[in-house]
C-alpha cells in the first residue's frame, strides 16, 4: 500500500515548484544562456568547471554560474557579461527584498 503524503510535504513541494517556476521565468528574460548547473547542489566543482568553460567560450549569459578564486566561492542564478562588465542576478520567488535574502547572495570561504 502506498504511503500517504503528509500535508506539510505537499506544501513544501508546492513551494519548491513555485521557486523552480520563478527560475524558469527569470531564465526567459535572458533566453540565450548556457546552463552550468551541477548534478547536485553540493557538487559546486562541476558548476565551477562548467562556468570556466562558458567564460572561456565567451558565453554572455550563464545560468547557475559558480566562480572559485583561491578560497572564495561565489554562486549566482544568472551571470550576464555586457561589454567589460559582469552582472550577477539572484532570483527569489517573492515580491520584496527581505534581510534574510542578503545572506543568500553569497560568497563562501572554503
N, C-alpha and C. Protein backbone atom coordinates (compact mmCIF):
# COMPACT_ATOMS: atom_id res chain seq x y z
N UNK A 1 0.84 -1.17 0.00
CA UNK A 1 0.00 0.00 0.00
C UNK A 1 0.90 1.25 0.00
N UNK A 2 0.66 2.22 -0.89
CA UNK A 2 1.49 3.43 -0.93
C UNK A 2 1.30 4.29 0.31
N UNK A 3 2.36 4.96 0.70
CA UNK A 3 2.30 5.85 1.87
C UNK A 3 1.49 7.10 1.51
N UNK A 4 0.77 7.60 2.49
CA UNK A 4 0.01 8.84 2.32
C UNK A 4 0.95 9.99 2.59
N UNK A 5 0.98 10.93 1.68
CA UNK A 5 1.88 12.06 1.82
C UNK A 5 1.36 13.04 2.87
N UNK A 6 2.23 13.48 3.73
CA UNK A 6 1.92 14.45 4.77
C UNK A 6 1.57 15.80 4.13
N UNK A 7 0.60 16.52 4.69
CA UNK A 7 0.19 17.82 4.14
C UNK A 7 1.36 18.80 4.10
N UNK A 8 2.20 18.77 5.14
CA UNK A 8 3.37 19.66 5.17
C UNK A 8 4.29 19.35 3.99
N UNK A 9 4.45 18.07 3.65
CA UNK A 9 5.27 17.70 2.49
C UNK A 9 4.68 18.29 1.20
N UNK A 10 3.37 18.26 1.07
CA UNK A 10 2.71 18.80 -0.12
C UNK A 10 2.90 20.31 -0.21
N UNK A 11 2.79 21.00 0.90
CA UNK A 11 3.00 22.45 0.93
C UNK A 11 4.44 22.77 0.57
N UNK A 12 5.37 22.03 1.15
CA UNK A 12 6.78 22.23 0.85
C UNK A 12 7.06 21.96 -0.63
N UNK A 13 6.48 20.91 -1.17
CA UNK A 13 6.67 20.58 -2.58
C UNK A 13 6.11 21.69 -3.47
N UNK A 14 4.97 22.25 -3.11
CA UNK A 14 4.39 23.35 -3.88
C UNK A 14 5.30 24.57 -3.85
N UNK A 15 5.89 24.83 -2.68
CA UNK A 15 6.83 25.94 -2.56
C UNK A 15 8.04 25.73 -3.48
N UNK A 16 8.61 24.53 -3.44
CA UNK A 16 9.77 24.23 -4.28
C UNK A 16 9.41 24.36 -5.76
N UNK A 17 8.21 23.93 -6.12
CA UNK A 17 7.78 24.02 -7.52
C UNK A 17 7.63 25.47 -7.95
N UNK A 18 7.09 26.33 -7.06
CA UNK A 18 6.93 27.73 -7.41
C UNK A 18 8.30 28.39 -7.57
N UNK A 19 9.28 28.00 -6.74
CA UNK A 19 10.63 28.53 -6.88
C UNK A 19 11.24 28.11 -8.21
N UNK A 20 11.02 26.86 -8.58
CA UNK A 20 11.51 26.37 -9.87
C UNK A 20 10.87 27.15 -11.01
N UNK A 21 9.57 27.40 -10.92
CA UNK A 21 8.87 28.16 -11.95
C UNK A 21 9.44 29.57 -12.09
N UNK A 22 9.77 30.21 -10.97
CA UNK A 22 10.34 31.55 -11.00
C UNK A 22 11.72 31.52 -11.66
N UNK A 23 12.51 30.50 -11.36
CA UNK A 23 13.83 30.37 -12.01
C UNK A 23 13.67 30.26 -13.52
N UNK A 24 12.69 29.48 -13.97
CA UNK A 24 12.45 29.32 -15.41
C UNK A 24 12.04 30.66 -16.02
N UNK A 25 11.16 31.39 -15.35
CA UNK A 25 10.75 32.70 -15.85
C UNK A 25 11.93 33.67 -15.92
N UNK A 26 12.78 33.64 -14.91
CA UNK A 26 13.96 34.52 -14.91
C UNK A 26 14.89 34.18 -16.07
N UNK A 27 15.06 32.90 -16.32
CA UNK A 27 15.90 32.49 -17.44
C UNK A 27 15.32 32.96 -18.77
N UNK A 28 14.00 33.02 -18.85
CA UNK A 28 13.36 33.51 -20.08
C UNK A 28 13.72 34.96 -20.36
N UNK A 29 14.04 35.73 -19.31
CA UNK A 29 14.47 37.12 -19.51
C UNK A 29 15.83 37.19 -20.18
N UNK A 30 16.63 36.13 -20.01
CA UNK A 30 17.96 36.03 -20.61
C UNK A 30 18.02 34.70 -21.36
N UNK A 31 17.23 34.58 -22.40
CA UNK A 31 16.99 33.29 -23.04
C UNK A 31 18.16 32.73 -23.84
N UNK A 32 19.24 33.43 -23.97
CA UNK A 32 20.38 32.93 -24.74
C UNK A 32 21.44 32.30 -23.85
N UNK A 33 21.08 31.94 -22.65
CA UNK A 33 22.06 31.46 -21.68
C UNK A 33 22.48 30.02 -21.83
N UNK A 34 23.57 29.71 -21.13
CA UNK A 34 24.13 28.36 -21.06
C UNK A 34 24.03 27.92 -19.60
N UNK A 35 23.62 26.68 -19.38
CA UNK A 35 23.39 26.17 -18.02
C UNK A 35 24.66 25.54 -17.44
N UNK A 36 25.06 26.01 -16.27
CA UNK A 36 26.22 25.45 -15.57
C UNK A 36 25.80 24.75 -14.28
N UNK A 37 24.53 24.33 -14.20
CA UNK A 37 24.00 23.68 -13.00
C UNK A 37 24.70 22.35 -12.75
N UNK A 38 25.19 22.10 -11.53
CA UNK A 38 25.77 20.80 -11.21
C UNK A 38 24.67 19.75 -11.03
N UNK A 39 25.03 18.47 -11.06
CA UNK A 39 24.03 17.41 -10.91
C UNK A 39 23.38 17.45 -9.54
N UNK A 40 24.06 17.98 -8.55
CA UNK A 40 23.55 18.10 -7.19
C UNK A 40 24.09 19.41 -6.64
N UNK A 41 23.29 20.10 -5.85
CA UNK A 41 23.71 21.43 -5.36
C UNK A 41 24.99 21.40 -4.54
N UNK A 42 25.41 20.23 -4.06
CA UNK A 42 26.63 20.15 -3.27
C UNK A 42 27.88 19.89 -4.12
N UNK A 43 27.71 19.72 -5.43
CA UNK A 43 28.84 19.47 -6.33
C UNK A 43 29.24 20.76 -7.04
N UNK A 44 29.64 21.75 -6.26
CA UNK A 44 29.97 23.04 -6.82
C UNK A 44 31.12 22.97 -7.82
N UNK A 45 32.04 22.03 -7.64
CA UNK A 45 33.18 21.94 -8.55
C UNK A 45 32.73 21.71 -9.99
N UNK A 46 31.64 20.97 -10.18
CA UNK A 46 31.10 20.77 -11.54
C UNK A 46 30.65 22.11 -12.12
N UNK A 47 29.97 22.90 -11.30
CA UNK A 47 29.50 24.20 -11.76
C UNK A 47 30.66 25.16 -11.98
N UNK A 48 31.69 25.08 -11.14
CA UNK A 48 32.88 25.91 -11.33
C UNK A 48 33.53 25.58 -12.67
N UNK A 49 33.69 24.30 -12.98
CA UNK A 49 34.31 23.88 -14.24
C UNK A 49 33.45 24.30 -15.43
N UNK A 50 32.14 24.09 -15.34
CA UNK A 50 31.24 24.47 -16.44
C UNK A 50 31.24 25.98 -16.65
N UNK A 51 31.25 26.74 -15.56
CA UNK A 51 31.30 28.20 -15.66
C UNK A 51 32.60 28.65 -16.31
N UNK A 52 33.71 28.05 -15.92
CA UNK A 52 35.01 28.40 -16.52
C UNK A 52 35.00 28.12 -18.03
N UNK A 53 34.41 26.98 -18.43
CA UNK A 53 34.32 26.66 -19.86
C UNK A 53 33.47 27.71 -20.59
N UNK A 54 32.35 28.08 -20.00
CA UNK A 54 31.48 29.08 -20.62
C UNK A 54 32.18 30.43 -20.77
N UNK A 55 32.92 30.81 -19.74
CA UNK A 55 33.66 32.08 -19.80
C UNK A 55 34.73 32.00 -20.89
N UNK A 56 35.46 30.88 -20.97
CA UNK A 56 36.48 30.69 -22.00
C UNK A 56 35.89 30.72 -23.41
N UNK A 57 34.66 30.24 -23.53
CA UNK A 57 33.97 30.22 -24.83
C UNK A 57 33.24 31.54 -25.09
N UNK A 58 33.43 32.53 -24.22
CA UNK A 58 32.85 33.86 -24.32
C UNK A 58 31.32 33.82 -24.39
N UNK A 59 30.72 33.00 -23.54
CA UNK A 59 29.26 32.99 -23.41
C UNK A 59 28.86 34.23 -22.62
N UNK A 60 27.79 34.89 -23.02
CA UNK A 60 27.42 36.14 -22.36
C UNK A 60 26.43 35.96 -21.22
N UNK A 61 25.70 34.83 -21.20
CA UNK A 61 24.74 34.56 -20.12
C UNK A 61 24.97 33.14 -19.63
N UNK A 62 25.19 33.01 -18.31
CA UNK A 62 25.43 31.69 -17.71
C UNK A 62 24.45 31.52 -16.55
N UNK A 63 23.66 30.43 -16.61
CA UNK A 63 22.73 30.10 -15.53
C UNK A 63 23.45 29.28 -14.48
N UNK A 64 23.18 29.57 -13.21
CA UNK A 64 23.78 28.85 -12.08
C UNK A 64 25.31 28.90 -12.14
N UNK A 65 25.83 30.07 -12.44
CA UNK A 65 27.27 30.27 -12.54
C UNK A 65 27.91 30.20 -11.16
N UNK A 66 29.06 29.55 -11.10
CA UNK A 66 29.82 29.45 -9.85
C UNK A 66 31.28 29.71 -10.17
N UNK A 67 31.86 30.63 -9.44
CA UNK A 67 33.26 31.01 -9.66
C UNK A 67 34.03 30.80 -8.37
N UNK A 68 35.20 30.18 -8.50
CA UNK A 68 36.07 29.97 -7.35
C UNK A 68 37.39 30.68 -7.63
N UNK A 69 37.83 31.44 -6.65
CA UNK A 69 39.12 32.12 -6.74
C UNK A 69 39.79 31.97 -5.38
N UNK A 70 40.91 31.27 -5.39
CA UNK A 70 41.62 30.94 -4.16
C UNK A 70 40.64 30.31 -3.17
N UNK A 71 40.34 30.96 -2.06
CA UNK A 71 39.44 30.37 -1.06
C UNK A 71 38.02 30.93 -1.13
N UNK A 72 37.71 31.70 -2.18
CA UNK A 72 36.37 32.29 -2.33
C UNK A 72 35.55 31.48 -3.32
N UNK A 73 34.27 31.29 -3.00
CA UNK A 73 33.34 30.62 -3.89
C UNK A 73 32.11 31.51 -4.01
N UNK A 74 31.74 31.88 -5.23
CA UNK A 74 30.59 32.75 -5.46
C UNK A 74 29.65 32.03 -6.42
N UNK A 75 28.38 31.90 -6.04
CA UNK A 75 27.37 31.25 -6.87
C UNK A 75 26.20 32.20 -7.08
N UNK A 76 25.74 32.33 -8.34
CA UNK A 76 24.62 33.20 -8.67
C UNK A 76 23.67 32.45 -9.60
N UNK A 77 22.41 32.89 -9.64
CA UNK A 77 21.45 32.24 -10.53
C UNK A 77 21.72 32.57 -11.99
N UNK A 78 22.04 33.83 -12.26
CA UNK A 78 22.30 34.25 -13.64
C UNK A 78 23.47 35.22 -13.63
N UNK A 79 24.46 34.94 -14.48
CA UNK A 79 25.62 35.83 -14.66
C UNK A 79 25.56 36.34 -16.09
N UNK A 80 25.58 37.67 -16.25
CA UNK A 80 25.47 38.28 -17.57
C UNK A 80 26.69 39.16 -17.80
N UNK A 81 27.36 38.93 -18.94
CA UNK A 81 28.51 39.76 -19.32
C UNK A 81 28.05 40.74 -20.39
N UNK A 82 28.22 42.02 -20.11
CA UNK A 82 27.89 43.08 -21.06
C UNK A 82 29.11 43.97 -21.20
N UNK A 83 29.76 43.88 -22.34
CA UNK A 83 30.99 44.63 -22.54
C UNK A 83 32.05 44.15 -21.57
N UNK A 84 32.65 45.07 -20.83
CA UNK A 84 33.68 44.69 -19.85
C UNK A 84 33.11 44.47 -18.46
N UNK A 85 31.78 44.57 -18.31
CA UNK A 85 31.13 44.40 -17.01
C UNK A 85 30.40 43.06 -16.91
N UNK A 86 30.31 42.55 -15.69
CA UNK A 86 29.52 41.36 -15.39
C UNK A 86 28.47 41.73 -14.36
N UNK A 87 27.26 41.19 -14.54
CA UNK A 87 26.16 41.44 -13.63
C UNK A 87 25.67 40.11 -13.08
N UNK A 88 25.55 40.03 -11.77
CA UNK A 88 25.10 38.82 -11.10
C UNK A 88 23.66 39.02 -10.63
N UNK A 89 22.81 38.03 -10.93
CA UNK A 89 21.41 38.09 -10.54
C UNK A 89 21.08 36.92 -9.63
N UNK A 90 20.43 37.21 -8.52
CA UNK A 90 19.92 36.20 -7.60
C UNK A 90 18.40 36.23 -7.72
N UNK A 91 17.79 35.09 -7.96
CA UNK A 91 16.36 35.01 -8.23
C UNK A 91 15.63 34.48 -7.00
N UNK A 92 14.55 35.17 -6.62
CA UNK A 92 13.72 34.76 -5.49
C UNK A 92 12.26 34.81 -5.90
N UNK A 93 11.45 33.94 -5.32
CA UNK A 93 10.01 33.91 -5.62
C UNK A 93 9.26 34.71 -4.57
N UNK A 94 9.43 36.03 -4.60
CA UNK A 94 8.77 36.93 -3.66
C UNK A 94 8.61 38.29 -4.32
N UNK A 95 7.87 39.16 -3.68
CA UNK A 95 7.65 40.49 -4.26
C UNK A 95 8.47 41.58 -3.57
N UNK A 96 9.27 41.20 -2.56
CA UNK A 96 10.07 42.20 -1.86
C UNK A 96 11.39 41.58 -1.39
N UNK A 97 12.35 42.45 -1.14
CA UNK A 97 13.65 42.01 -0.63
C UNK A 97 13.56 41.91 0.88
N UNK A 98 13.99 40.79 1.40
CA UNK A 98 13.99 40.57 2.85
C UNK A 98 15.44 40.45 3.33
N UNK A 99 15.75 40.90 4.55
CA UNK A 99 17.13 40.84 5.05
C UNK A 99 17.75 39.44 4.94
N UNK A 100 16.95 38.42 5.14
CA UNK A 100 17.44 37.06 5.04
C UNK A 100 18.01 36.76 3.66
N UNK A 101 17.44 37.37 2.61
CA UNK A 101 17.89 37.10 1.24
C UNK A 101 19.31 37.59 1.01
N UNK A 102 19.73 38.59 1.74
CA UNK A 102 21.08 39.12 1.54
C UNK A 102 22.13 38.05 1.86
N UNK A 103 21.79 37.14 2.77
CA UNK A 103 22.70 36.04 3.09
C UNK A 103 22.73 35.01 1.97
N UNK A 104 21.70 35.00 1.13
CA UNK A 104 21.63 34.03 0.05
C UNK A 104 22.41 34.49 -1.18
N UNK A 105 22.74 35.76 -1.25
CA UNK A 105 23.64 36.25 -2.28
C UNK A 105 25.01 36.10 -1.64
N UNK A 106 25.68 35.04 -1.99
CA UNK A 106 26.76 34.63 -1.13
C UNK A 106 28.11 34.50 -1.82
N UNK A 107 29.09 34.69 -0.99
CA UNK A 107 30.47 34.36 -1.32
C UNK A 107 30.96 33.54 -0.13
N UNK A 108 31.39 32.34 -0.40
CA UNK A 108 31.85 31.45 0.66
C UNK A 108 33.37 31.42 0.72
N UNK A 109 33.89 31.28 1.91
CA UNK A 109 35.31 31.00 2.08
C UNK A 109 35.44 29.48 2.25
N UNK A 110 36.22 28.86 1.40
CA UNK A 110 36.36 27.40 1.52
C UNK A 110 37.67 27.02 2.19
